[in-house]
Amino acid sequence: MSSYQRRTALVALVTMVTVAMSGGAQTTPADTSIPDRQLFHRSDLYVAGAFAVATVALLPADHHLAELARDDDLVNSGTLRRLSTDVRFFGGPGPFIIGGTMYAVGRLGHIPRMAELALHGTEAVVAGSVVAGVIKVAAGRERPYALNADPHDFNFGGGLRSDTTKSFPSGHATAAFSAAAAVVAETHEWWPQSTWYVAPLMYGGATAVGLSRMYDNQHWASDVVMGAAIGTFAGLKVVRFNHTHTGNKLDKWFLGTRIVPTGNGTALAWNAEF
C-alpha cells in the first residue's frame, strides 16, 4: 500500500470511528427527553443522513481500509488476536447472555431498573438484528475474505446463497450499537448527567466490536458504519417507544408481572404501573 493510500485509509478510518461513536451519543438526550409520543423527529433525518454520507464516502476506501486492518504486523500480533476474539463476544451472543442475566437478577432481586434496562436492551438488539438481517440478504455483498472479493459488488438477493455474501451490514456492529444506544438512552432517562461518561464507554466498546470484524477480515468499513447506524437507531427508538408508550404489552408481561401467594397457592399478578 502506498503512503497516499495509507493516509487515505487512516482518514477514512478516523471518519468511521468518529461518526460511529458520536452519532448516537449526540442524539440521545433529544430523543429521550421530549415529552411527546412521536417516535421520529426531524433531527433523526440529519443523523441518518450523516451515517449514509459516511457509508458512501467509505466505499472507495473500503479496499484500502481492509488492507490496513490486515497489515502483517497487526495480523501477527497475538495480543490483538486475543483482544479481537474477546470484544467479538459483545457483538455475538454477549448482548443476549448479559441481557438475560441482568433481567433475571433484576426480577429476582427486585431491582426494577436493572430488569427494565435488560429488557429494552435485548429488544433493541433483536430489532436491529432483524433489520440488518433483511438488508444482508437483499444486498448480497461479498465479505472481504471471499476469493477476488470486490467491495463494490452488490447482488440483490445474493445473501440467500451463502454466508459469504452477507457482508453488508455488519451484524456484530449492529448488535453492539443496539445495546450501547439502549444503555445510553435508558441511563439518560434516570441520570441525565451520566451520558457524558456512559456514552463514550458504550459507543467506544461498540466501535471496538466493529473494528474487530474488520481485523478478522469479515467486514468492510462501510459494513461497520451501516451496522452502527442501524444499531444506534434501534437502541434509541426502542427505549423511546417504551418510555412514551407505558403499559405496552412487552413491558406489562416482562416487567409488570409477579407471582403472589393466594389461599389456593400462587397466582400471576400485574403491577398497575405497567
C-alpha atoms as a PDB file:
ATOM      1  CA  MET A   1       0.000   0.000   0.000  1.00  0.00           C
ATOM      2  CA  SER A   2       1.419   3.400  -0.958  1.00  0.00           C
ATOM      3  CA  SER A   3       1.836   6.229   1.534  1.00  0.00           C
ATOM      4  CA  TYR A   4      -1.047   8.070  -0.159  1.00  0.00           C
ATOM      5  CA  GLN A   5      -3.307   5.049   0.194  1.00  0.00           C
ATOM      6  CA  ARG A   6      -2.338   4.676   3.844  1.00  0.00           C
ATOM      7  CA  ARG A   7      -3.173   8.316   4.512  1.00  0.00           C
ATOM      8  CA  THR A   8      -6.498   7.926   2.729  1.00  0.00           C
ATOM      9  CA  ALA A   9      -7.263   4.805   4.719  1.00  0.00           C
ATOM     10  CA  LEU A  10      -6.369   6.445   8.009  1.00  0.00           C
ATOM     11  CA  VAL A  11      -8.581   9.456   7.269  1.00  0.00           C
ATOM     12  CA  ALA A  12     -11.463   7.159   6.341  1.00  0.00           C
ATOM     13  CA  LEU A  13     -10.926   5.075   9.462  1.00  0.00           C
ATOM     14  CA  VAL A  14     -10.991   8.142  11.697  1.00  0.00           C
ATOM     15  CA  THR A  15     -14.185   9.246   9.936  1.00  0.00           C
ATOM     16  CA  MET A  16     -15.784   5.870  10.560  1.00  0.00           C
ATOM     17  CA  VAL A  17     -14.898   5.810  14.258  1.00  0.00           C
ATOM     18  CA  THR A  18     -15.927   9.442  14.819  1.00  0.00           C
ATOM     19  CA  VAL A  19     -19.337   9.036  13.180  1.00  0.00           C
ATOM     20  CA  ALA A  20     -19.980   5.703  14.883  1.00  0.00           C
ATOM     21  CA  MET A  21     -19.095   6.995  18.347  1.00  0.00           C
ATOM     22  CA  SER A  22     -20.668  10.445  18.183  1.00  0.00           C
ATOM     23  CA  GLY A  23     -23.780   9.976  16.057  1.00  0.00           C
ATOM     24  CA  GLY A  24     -25.877   8.209  18.634  1.00  0.00           C
ATOM     25  CA  ALA A  25     -24.416   9.977  21.641  1.00  0.00           C
ATOM     26  CA  GLN A  26     -25.370  13.394  20.290  1.00  0.00           C
ATOM     27  CA  THR A  27     -28.985  12.423  19.616  1.00  0.00           C
ATOM     28  CA  THR A  28     -29.714  10.556  22.846  1.00  0.00           C
ATOM     29  CA  PRO A  29     -30.779  13.468  25.067  1.00  0.00           C
ATOM     30  CA  ALA A  30     -33.084  14.943  22.409  1.00  0.00           C
ATOM     31  CA  ASP A  31     -34.619  11.574  21.605  1.00  0.00           C
ATOM     32  CA  THR A  32     -35.393  10.508  25.137  1.00  0.00           C
ATOM     33  CA  SER A  33     -36.349  13.703  26.944  1.00  0.00           C
ATOM     34  CA  ILE A  34     -39.045  15.224  24.700  1.00  0.00           C
ATOM     35  CA  PRO A  35     -42.379  14.650  26.486  1.00  0.00           C
ATOM     36  CA  ASP A  36     -44.395  13.520  23.463  1.00  0.00           C
ATOM     37  CA  ARG A  37     -45.279  10.194  21.891  1.00  0.00           C
ATOM     38  CA  GLN A  38     -43.784  10.933  18.481  1.00  0.00           C
ATOM     39  CA  LEU A  39     -41.186   8.273  17.701  1.00  0.00           C
ATOM     40  CA  PHE A  40     -39.247  10.047  14.944  1.00  0.00           C
ATOM     41  CA  HIS A  41     -38.224  13.688  14.654  1.00  0.00           C
ATOM     42  CA  ARG A  42     -36.585  15.861  12.027  1.00  0.00           C
ATOM     43  CA  SER A  43     -33.224  15.596  13.772  1.00  0.00           C
ATOM     44  CA  ASP A  44     -33.271  11.863  13.007  1.00  0.00           C
ATOM     45  CA  LEU A  45     -33.059  12.682   9.306  1.00  0.00           C
ATOM     46  CA  TYR A  46     -29.848  14.626   9.883  1.00  0.00           C
ATOM     47  CA  VAL A  47     -28.266  11.784  11.826  1.00  0.00           C
ATOM     48  CA  ALA A  48     -29.403   9.204   9.272  1.00  0.00           C
ATOM     49  CA  GLY A  49     -28.021  11.424   6.534  1.00  0.00           C
ATOM     50  CA  ALA A  50     -24.662  11.659   8.314  1.00  0.00           C
ATOM     51  CA  PHE A  51     -24.448   7.881   8.576  1.00  0.00           C
ATOM     52  CA  ALA A  52     -25.467   7.496   4.916  1.00  0.00           C
ATOM     53  CA  VAL A  53     -22.861  10.000   3.756  1.00  0.00           C
ATOM     54  CA  ALA A  54     -20.189   8.316   5.866  1.00  0.00           C
ATOM     55  CA  THR A  55     -21.121   4.910   4.436  1.00  0.00           C
ATOM     56  CA  VAL A  56     -20.991   6.122   0.835  1.00  0.00           C
ATOM     57  CA  ALA A  57     -17.798   8.082   1.482  1.00  0.00           C
ATOM     58  CA  LEU A  58     -16.105   4.948   2.775  1.00  0.00           C
ATOM     59  CA  LEU A  59     -16.949   2.825  -0.270  1.00  0.00           C
ATOM     60  CA  PRO A  60     -13.945   3.996  -2.322  1.00  0.00           C
ATOM     61  CA  ALA A  61     -11.664   3.400   0.675  1.00  0.00           C
ATOM     62  CA  ASP A  62     -13.082   0.009   1.715  1.00  0.00           C
ATOM     63  CA  HIS A  63     -10.391  -1.998  -0.030  1.00  0.00           C
ATOM     64  CA  HIS A  64      -7.585   0.160   1.357  1.00  0.00           C
ATOM     65  CA  LEU A  65      -9.025   0.003   4.870  1.00  0.00           C
ATOM     66  CA  ALA A  66      -9.264  -3.774   4.604  1.00  0.00           C
ATOM     67  CA  GLU A  67      -5.579  -3.908   3.681  1.00  0.00           C
ATOM     68  CA  LEU A  68      -4.729  -1.649   6.596  1.00  0.00           C
ATOM     69  CA  ALA A  69      -6.696  -3.795   9.031  1.00  0.00           C
ATOM     70  CA  ARG A  70      -4.958  -6.911   7.705  1.00  0.00           C
ATOM     71  CA  ASP A  71      -1.445  -5.497   7.863  1.00  0.00           C
ATOM     72  CA  ASP A  72       1.057  -8.291   8.616  1.00  0.00           C
ATOM     73  CA  ASP A  73       2.226  -6.673  11.843  1.00  0.00           C
ATOM     74  CA  LEU A  74      -1.374  -6.441  13.095  1.00  0.00           C
ATOM     75  CA  VAL A  75      -2.410  -9.907  11.962  1.00  0.00           C
ATOM     76  CA  ASN A  76       0.646 -11.498  13.593  1.00  0.00           C
ATOM     77  CA  SER A  77       0.039  -9.783  16.923  1.00  0.00           C
ATOM     78  CA  GLY A  78      -1.128 -12.327  19.484  1.00  0.00           C
ATOM     79  CA  THR A  79      -2.412  -9.548  21.729  1.00  0.00           C
ATOM     80  CA  LEU A  80      -4.623  -8.097  19.008  1.00  0.00           C
ATOM     81  CA  ARG A  81      -5.940 -11.533  18.043  1.00  0.00           C
ATOM     82  CA  ARG A  82      -6.954 -12.242  21.637  1.00  0.00           C
ATOM     83  CA  LEU A  83      -8.465  -8.778  22.019  1.00  0.00           C
ATOM     84  CA  SER A  84     -10.424  -9.189  18.790  1.00  0.00           C
ATOM     85  CA  THR A  85     -11.806 -12.510  19.986  1.00  0.00           C
ATOM     86  CA  ASP A  86     -12.782 -11.030  23.339  1.00  0.00           C
ATOM     87  CA  VAL A  87     -14.610  -7.969  22.014  1.00  0.00           C
ATOM     88  CA  ARG A  88     -16.348 -10.001  19.299  1.00  0.00           C
ATOM     89  CA  PHE A  89     -18.336 -11.645  22.102  1.00  0.00           C
ATOM     90  CA  PHE A  90     -20.158  -8.353  22.698  1.00  0.00           C
ATOM     91  CA  GLY A  91     -21.483  -8.339  19.154  1.00  0.00           C
ATOM     92  CA  GLY A  92     -22.418 -12.025  19.085  1.00  0.00           C
ATOM     93  CA  PRO A  93     -24.057 -13.910  21.944  1.00  0.00           C
ATOM     94  CA  GLY A  94     -22.866 -11.365  24.505  1.00  0.00           C
ATOM     95  CA  PRO A  95     -25.823  -8.936  24.455  1.00  0.00           C
ATOM     96  CA  PHE A  96     -28.296 -11.799  24.898  1.00  0.00           C
ATOM     97  CA  ILE A  97     -26.329 -13.507  27.660  1.00  0.00           C
ATOM     98  CA  ILE A  98     -25.716 -10.256  29.513  1.00  0.00           C
ATOM     99  CA  GLY A  99     -29.288  -9.068  28.955  1.00  0.00           C
ATOM    100  CA  GLY A 100     -30.799 -12.353  30.126  1.00  0.00           C
ATOM    101  CA  THR A 101     -28.609 -12.436  33.215  1.00  0.00           C
ATOM    102  CA  MET A 102     -29.371  -8.832  34.128  1.00  0.00           C
ATOM    103  CA  TYR A 103     -33.084  -9.400  33.615  1.00  0.00           C
ATOM    104  CA  ALA A 104     -33.079 -12.448  35.900  1.00  0.00           C
ATOM    105  CA  VAL A 105     -31.086 -10.649  38.595  1.00  0.00           C
ATOM    106  CA  GLY A 106     -33.294  -7.582  38.307  1.00  0.00           C
ATOM    107  CA  ARG A 107     -36.533  -9.512  38.658  1.00  0.00           C
ATOM    108  CA  LEU A 108     -35.376 -11.952  41.330  1.00  0.00           C
ATOM    109  CA  GLY A 109     -33.531  -9.245  43.264  1.00  0.00           C
ATOM    110  CA  HIS A 110     -36.390  -6.739  42.945  1.00  0.00           C
ATOM    111  CA  ILE A 111     -34.241  -4.202  41.061  1.00  0.00           C
ATOM    112  CA  PRO A 112     -36.759  -2.764  38.552  1.00  0.00           C
ATOM    113  CA  ARG A 113     -34.332  -0.535  36.677  1.00  0.00           C
ATOM    114  CA  MET A 114     -31.915  -3.372  36.034  1.00  0.00           C
ATOM    115  CA  ALA A 115     -34.714  -5.546  34.648  1.00  0.00           C
ATOM    116  CA  GLU A 116     -36.011  -2.647  32.542  1.00  0.00           C
ATOM    117  CA  LEU A 117     -32.557  -1.915  31.126  1.00  0.00           C
ATOM    118  CA  ALA A 118     -32.034  -5.581  30.288  1.00  0.00           C
ATOM    119  CA  LEU A 119     -35.415  -5.967  28.599  1.00  0.00           C
ATOM    120  CA  HIS A 120     -35.194  -2.818  26.497  1.00  0.00           C
ATOM    121  CA  GLY A 121     -31.586  -3.509  25.563  1.00  0.00           C
ATOM    122  CA  THR A 122     -32.474  -7.010  24.402  1.00  0.00           C
ATOM    123  CA  GLU A 123     -35.468  -5.697  22.457  1.00  0.00           C
ATOM    124  CA  ALA A 124     -33.167  -3.218  20.708  1.00  0.00           C
ATOM    125  CA  VAL A 125     -30.673  -5.930  19.752  1.00  0.00           C
ATOM    126  CA  VAL A 126     -33.456  -8.100  18.335  1.00  0.00           C
ATOM    127  CA  ALA A 127     -34.977  -5.188  16.387  1.00  0.00           C
ATOM    128  CA  GLY A 128     -31.639  -4.103  14.981  1.00  0.00           C
ATOM    129  CA  SER A 129     -30.635  -7.649  14.095  1.00  0.00           C
ATOM    130  CA  VAL A 130     -33.864  -8.262  12.195  1.00  0.00           C
ATOM    131  CA  VAL A 131     -33.387  -5.110  10.096  1.00  0.00           C
ATOM    132  CA  ALA A 132     -29.720  -5.885   9.464  1.00  0.00           C
ATOM    133  CA  GLY A 133     -30.561  -9.479   8.555  1.00  0.00           C
ATOM    134  CA  VAL A 134     -33.082  -8.429   5.928  1.00  0.00           C
ATOM    135  CA  ILE A 135     -30.607  -5.979   4.378  1.00  0.00           C
ATOM    136  CA  LYS A 136     -27.847  -8.605   4.415  1.00  0.00           C
ATOM    137  CA  VAL A 137     -29.944 -10.968   2.320  1.00  0.00           C
ATOM    138  CA  ALA A 138     -31.058  -8.222  -0.053  1.00  0.00           C
ATOM    139  CA  ALA A 139     -27.644  -6.565  -0.535  1.00  0.00           C
ATOM    140  CA  GLY A 140     -25.706  -9.752  -1.292  1.00  0.00           C
ATOM    141  CA  ARG A 141     -22.305  -8.158  -0.738  1.00  0.00           C
ATOM    142  CA  GLU A 142     -19.259 -10.414  -0.607  1.00  0.00           C
ATOM    143  CA  ARG A 143     -17.151 -10.479   2.528  1.00  0.00           C
ATOM    144  CA  PRO A 144     -13.517  -9.335   2.313  1.00  0.00           C
ATOM    145  CA  TYR A 145     -12.195 -12.886   2.707  1.00  0.00           C
ATOM    146  CA  ALA A 146     -14.042 -14.110  -0.398  1.00  0.00           C
ATOM    147  CA  LEU A 147     -11.903 -15.026  -3.403  1.00  0.00           C
ATOM    148  CA  ASN A 148     -11.360 -11.898  -5.531  1.00  0.00           C
ATOM    149  CA  ALA A 149     -13.776 -10.005  -3.296  1.00  0.00           C
ATOM    150  CA  ASP A 150     -14.871  -6.649  -4.686  1.00  0.00           C
ATOM    151  CA  PRO A 151     -16.278  -4.181  -2.123  1.00  0.00           C
ATOM    152  CA  HIS A 152     -18.351  -2.563  -4.879  1.00  0.00           C
ATOM    153  CA  ASP A 153     -20.043  -5.805  -5.876  1.00  0.00           C
ATOM    154  CA  PHE A 154     -23.631  -5.909  -4.607  1.00  0.00           C
ATOM    155  CA  ASN A 155     -26.051  -8.572  -5.878  1.00  0.00           C
ATOM    156  CA  PHE A 156     -29.718  -8.178  -4.960  1.00  0.00           C
ATOM    157  CA  GLY A 157     -30.855 -11.271  -3.073  1.00  0.00           C
ATOM    158  CA  GLY A 158     -27.330 -12.654  -3.115  1.00  0.00           C
ATOM    159  CA  GLY A 159     -27.408 -13.146   0.630  1.00  0.00           C
ATOM    160  CA  LEU A 160     -29.632 -16.163   0.086  1.00  0.00           C
ATOM    161  CA  ARG A 161     -26.762 -18.090  -1.487  1.00  0.00           C
ATOM    162  CA  SER A 162     -24.293 -18.326   1.386  1.00  0.00           C
ATOM    163  CA  ASP A 163     -22.850 -16.557   4.405  1.00  0.00           C
ATOM    164  CA  THR A 164     -20.008 -15.314   2.200  1.00  0.00           C
ATOM    165  CA  THR A 165     -22.433 -12.909   0.516  1.00  0.00           C
ATOM    166  CA  LYS A 166     -23.871 -11.439   3.735  1.00  0.00           C
ATOM    167  CA  SER A 167     -21.303  -8.751   4.398  1.00  0.00           C
ATOM    168  CA  PHE A 168     -23.476  -5.610   4.345  1.00  0.00           C
ATOM    169  CA  PRO A 169     -24.187  -4.507   7.029  1.00  0.00           C
ATOM    170  CA  SER A 170     -22.179  -5.928   9.945  1.00  0.00           C
ATOM    171  CA  GLY A 171     -24.464  -7.896  12.242  1.00  0.00           C
ATOM    172  CA  HIS A 172     -21.971  -7.756  15.114  1.00  0.00           C
ATOM    173  CA  ALA A 173     -21.701  -3.963  14.820  1.00  0.00           C
ATOM    174  CA  THR A 174     -25.489  -3.702  14.684  1.00  0.00           C
ATOM    175  CA  ALA A 175     -25.940  -5.755  17.858  1.00  0.00           C
ATOM    176  CA  ALA A 176     -23.173  -3.928  19.722  1.00  0.00           C
ATOM    177  CA  PHE A 177     -24.502  -0.468  18.825  1.00  0.00           C
ATOM    178  CA  SER A 178     -28.090  -1.503  19.554  1.00  0.00           C
ATOM    179  CA  ALA A 179     -27.108  -2.488  23.079  1.00  0.00           C
ATOM    180  CA  ALA A 180     -24.892   0.573  23.513  1.00  0.00           C
ATOM    181  CA  ALA A 181     -27.558   3.026  22.357  1.00  0.00           C
ATOM    182  CA  ALA A 182     -30.191   1.400  24.563  1.00  0.00           C
ATOM    183  CA  VAL A 183     -27.952   1.601  27.638  1.00  0.00           C
ATOM    184  CA  VAL A 184     -27.070   5.245  26.957  1.00  0.00           C
ATOM    185  CA  ALA A 185     -30.701   6.210  26.338  1.00  0.00           C
ATOM    186  CA  GLU A 186     -32.024   4.292  29.348  1.00  0.00           C
ATOM    187  CA  THR A 187     -29.445   5.647  31.792  1.00  0.00           C
ATOM    188  CA  HIS A 188     -30.027   9.147  30.427  1.00  0.00           C
ATOM    189  CA  GLU A 189     -33.676   8.817  31.471  1.00  0.00           C
ATOM    190  CA  TRP A 190     -32.636   8.127  35.070  1.00  0.00           C
ATOM    191  CA  TRP A 191     -29.435  10.161  35.400  1.00  0.00           C
ATOM    192  CA  PRO A 192     -29.084  12.738  32.572  1.00  0.00           C
ATOM    193  CA  GLN A 193     -25.546  13.697  33.578  1.00  0.00           C
ATOM    194  CA  SER A 194     -24.365  10.107  33.193  1.00  0.00           C
ATOM    195  CA  THR A 195     -24.459  10.448  29.399  1.00  0.00           C
ATOM    196  CA  TRP A 196     -21.108  12.242  29.423  1.00  0.00           C
ATOM    197  CA  TYR A 197     -19.264   9.146  30.627  1.00  0.00           C
ATOM    198  CA  VAL A 198     -21.658   6.308  29.766  1.00  0.00           C
ATOM    199  CA  ALA A 199     -21.880   7.282  26.075  1.00  0.00           C
ATOM    200  CA  PRO A 200     -18.110   7.259  25.337  1.00  0.00           C
ATOM    201  CA  LEU A 201     -17.732   3.971  27.208  1.00  0.00           C
ATOM    202  CA  MET A 202     -20.597   2.195  25.470  1.00  0.00           C
ATOM    203  CA  TYR A 203     -20.102   3.605  21.973  1.00  0.00           C
ATOM    204  CA  GLY A 204     -16.351   3.155  22.264  1.00  0.00           C
ATOM    205  CA  GLY A 205     -16.857  -0.513  23.114  1.00  0.00           C
ATOM    206  CA  ALA A 206     -19.279  -0.937  20.215  1.00  0.00           C
ATOM    207  CA  THR A 207     -16.767   0.672  17.864  1.00  0.00           C
ATOM    208  CA  ALA A 208     -14.152  -1.829  19.053  1.00  0.00           C
ATOM    209  CA  VAL A 209     -16.526  -4.637  18.081  1.00  0.00           C
ATOM    210  CA  GLY A 210     -16.881  -3.170  14.597  1.00  0.00           C
ATOM    211  CA  LEU A 211     -13.123  -2.772  14.193  1.00  0.00           C
ATOM    212  CA  SER A 212     -12.614  -6.375  15.299  1.00  0.00           C
ATOM    213  CA  ARG A 213     -14.809  -7.523  12.408  1.00  0.00           C
ATOM    214  CA  MET A 214     -12.541  -5.675  10.000  1.00  0.00           C
ATOM    215  CA  TYR A 215      -9.478  -7.133  11.719  1.00  0.00           C
ATOM    216  CA  ASP A 216     -10.970 -10.620  11.338  1.00  0.00           C
ATOM    217  CA  ASN A 217     -11.489  -9.924   7.616  1.00  0.00           C
ATOM    218  CA  GLN A 218     -15.242 -10.446   7.955  1.00  0.00           C
ATOM    219  CA  HIS A 219     -16.472  -6.964   7.025  1.00  0.00           C
ATOM    220  CA  TRP A 220     -15.639  -3.842   5.068  1.00  0.00           C
ATOM    221  CA  ALA A 221     -15.521  -0.485   6.851  1.00  0.00           C
ATOM    222  CA  SER A 222     -18.782   0.654   5.257  1.00  0.00           C
ATOM    223  CA  ASP A 223     -20.448  -2.513   6.589  1.00  0.00           C
ATOM    224  CA  VAL A 224     -19.500  -1.449  10.086  1.00  0.00           C
ATOM    225  CA  VAL A 225     -20.765   2.115   9.699  1.00  0.00           C
ATOM    226  CA  MET A 226     -24.128   0.934   8.363  1.00  0.00           C
ATOM    227  CA  GLY A 227     -24.364  -1.577  11.218  1.00  0.00           C
ATOM    228  CA  ALA A 228     -23.615   1.247  13.651  1.00  0.00           C
ATOM    229  CA  ALA A 229     -26.385   3.342  12.090  1.00  0.00           C
ATOM    230  CA  ILE A 230     -28.998   0.588  12.304  1.00  0.00           C
ATOM    231  CA  GLY A 231     -27.989  -0.346  15.832  1.00  0.00           C
ATOM    232  CA  THR A 232     -27.952   3.228  17.099  1.00  0.00           C
ATOM    233  CA  PHE A 233     -31.432   3.934  15.797  1.00  0.00           C
ATOM    234  CA  ALA A 234     -32.737   0.607  17.098  1.00  0.00           C
ATOM    235  CA  GLY A 235     -31.480   1.312  20.600  1.00  0.00           C
ATOM    236  CA  LEU A 236     -32.703   4.893  20.746  1.00  0.00           C
ATOM    237  CA  LYS A 237     -36.127   4.200  19.290  1.00  0.00           C
ATOM    238  CA  VAL A 238     -36.861   1.083  21.331  1.00  0.00           C
ATOM    239  CA  VAL A 239     -36.137   2.955  24.557  1.00  0.00           C
ATOM    240  CA  ARG A 240     -38.102   5.993  23.419  1.00  0.00           C
ATOM    241  CA  PHE A 241     -41.089   3.879  22.441  1.00  0.00           C
ATOM    242  CA  ASN A 242     -41.149   2.110  25.791  1.00  0.00           C
ATOM    243  CA  HIS A 243     -40.919   5.362  27.725  1.00  0.00           C
ATOM    244  CA  THR A 244     -43.606   7.127  25.682  1.00  0.00           C
ATOM    245  CA  HIS A 245     -45.929   4.109  25.479  1.00  0.00           C
ATOM    246  CA  THR A 246     -46.049   2.939  29.057  1.00  0.00           C
ATOM    247  CA  GLY A 247     -48.232  -0.059  29.560  1.00  0.00           C
ATOM    248  CA  ASN A 248     -47.261  -1.705  26.277  1.00  0.00           C
ATOM    249  CA  LYS A 249     -47.660  -5.462  26.256  1.00  0.00           C
ATOM    250  CA  LEU A 250     -43.983  -6.416  26.448  1.00  0.00           C
ATOM    251  CA  ASP A 251     -43.357  -4.183  29.462  1.00  0.00           C
ATOM    252  CA  LYS A 252     -46.564  -5.375  31.065  1.00  0.00           C
ATOM    253  CA  TRP A 253     -45.688  -9.047  30.668  1.00  0.00           C
ATOM    254  CA  PHE A 254     -41.967  -8.941  31.397  1.00  0.00           C
ATOM    255  CA  LEU A 255     -41.772  -6.098  33.924  1.00  0.00           C
ATOM    256  CA  GLY A 256     -45.231  -5.817  35.426  1.00  0.00           C
ATOM    257  CA  THR A 257     -45.947  -9.444  36.224  1.00  0.00           C
ATOM    258  CA  ARG A 258     -45.226 -11.037  39.569  1.00  0.00           C
ATOM    259  CA  ILE A 259     -46.158 -14.207  41.380  1.00  0.00           C
ATOM    260  CA  VAL A 260     -48.208 -13.637  44.524  1.00  0.00           C
ATOM    261  CA  PRO A 261     -49.405 -16.131  47.146  1.00  0.00           C
ATOM    262  CA  THR A 262     -53.128 -16.908  47.326  1.00  0.00           C
ATOM    263  CA  GLY A 263     -55.278 -19.077  49.520  1.00  0.00           C
ATOM    264  CA  ASN A 264     -55.003 -21.895  46.980  1.00  0.00           C
ATOM    265  CA  GLY A 265     -51.317 -21.478  46.148  1.00  0.00           C
ATOM    266  CA  THR A 266     -49.942 -18.761  43.860  1.00  0.00           C
ATOM    267  CA  ALA A 267     -51.255 -16.541  41.081  1.00  0.00           C
ATOM    268  CA  LEU A 268     -49.894 -14.208  38.428  1.00  0.00           C
ATOM    269  CA  ALA A 269     -50.492 -10.518  39.143  1.00  0.00           C
ATOM    270  CA  TRP A 270     -49.726  -7.280  37.301  1.00  0.00           C
ATOM    271  CA  ASN A 271     -48.167  -4.101  38.598  1.00  0.00           C
ATOM    272  CA  ALA A 272     -50.593  -1.266  37.926  1.00  0.00           C
ATOM    273  CA  GLU A 273     -47.691   0.942  36.820  1.00  0.00           C
ATOM    274  CA  PHE A 274     -47.400  -1.118  33.650  1.00  0.00           C
END
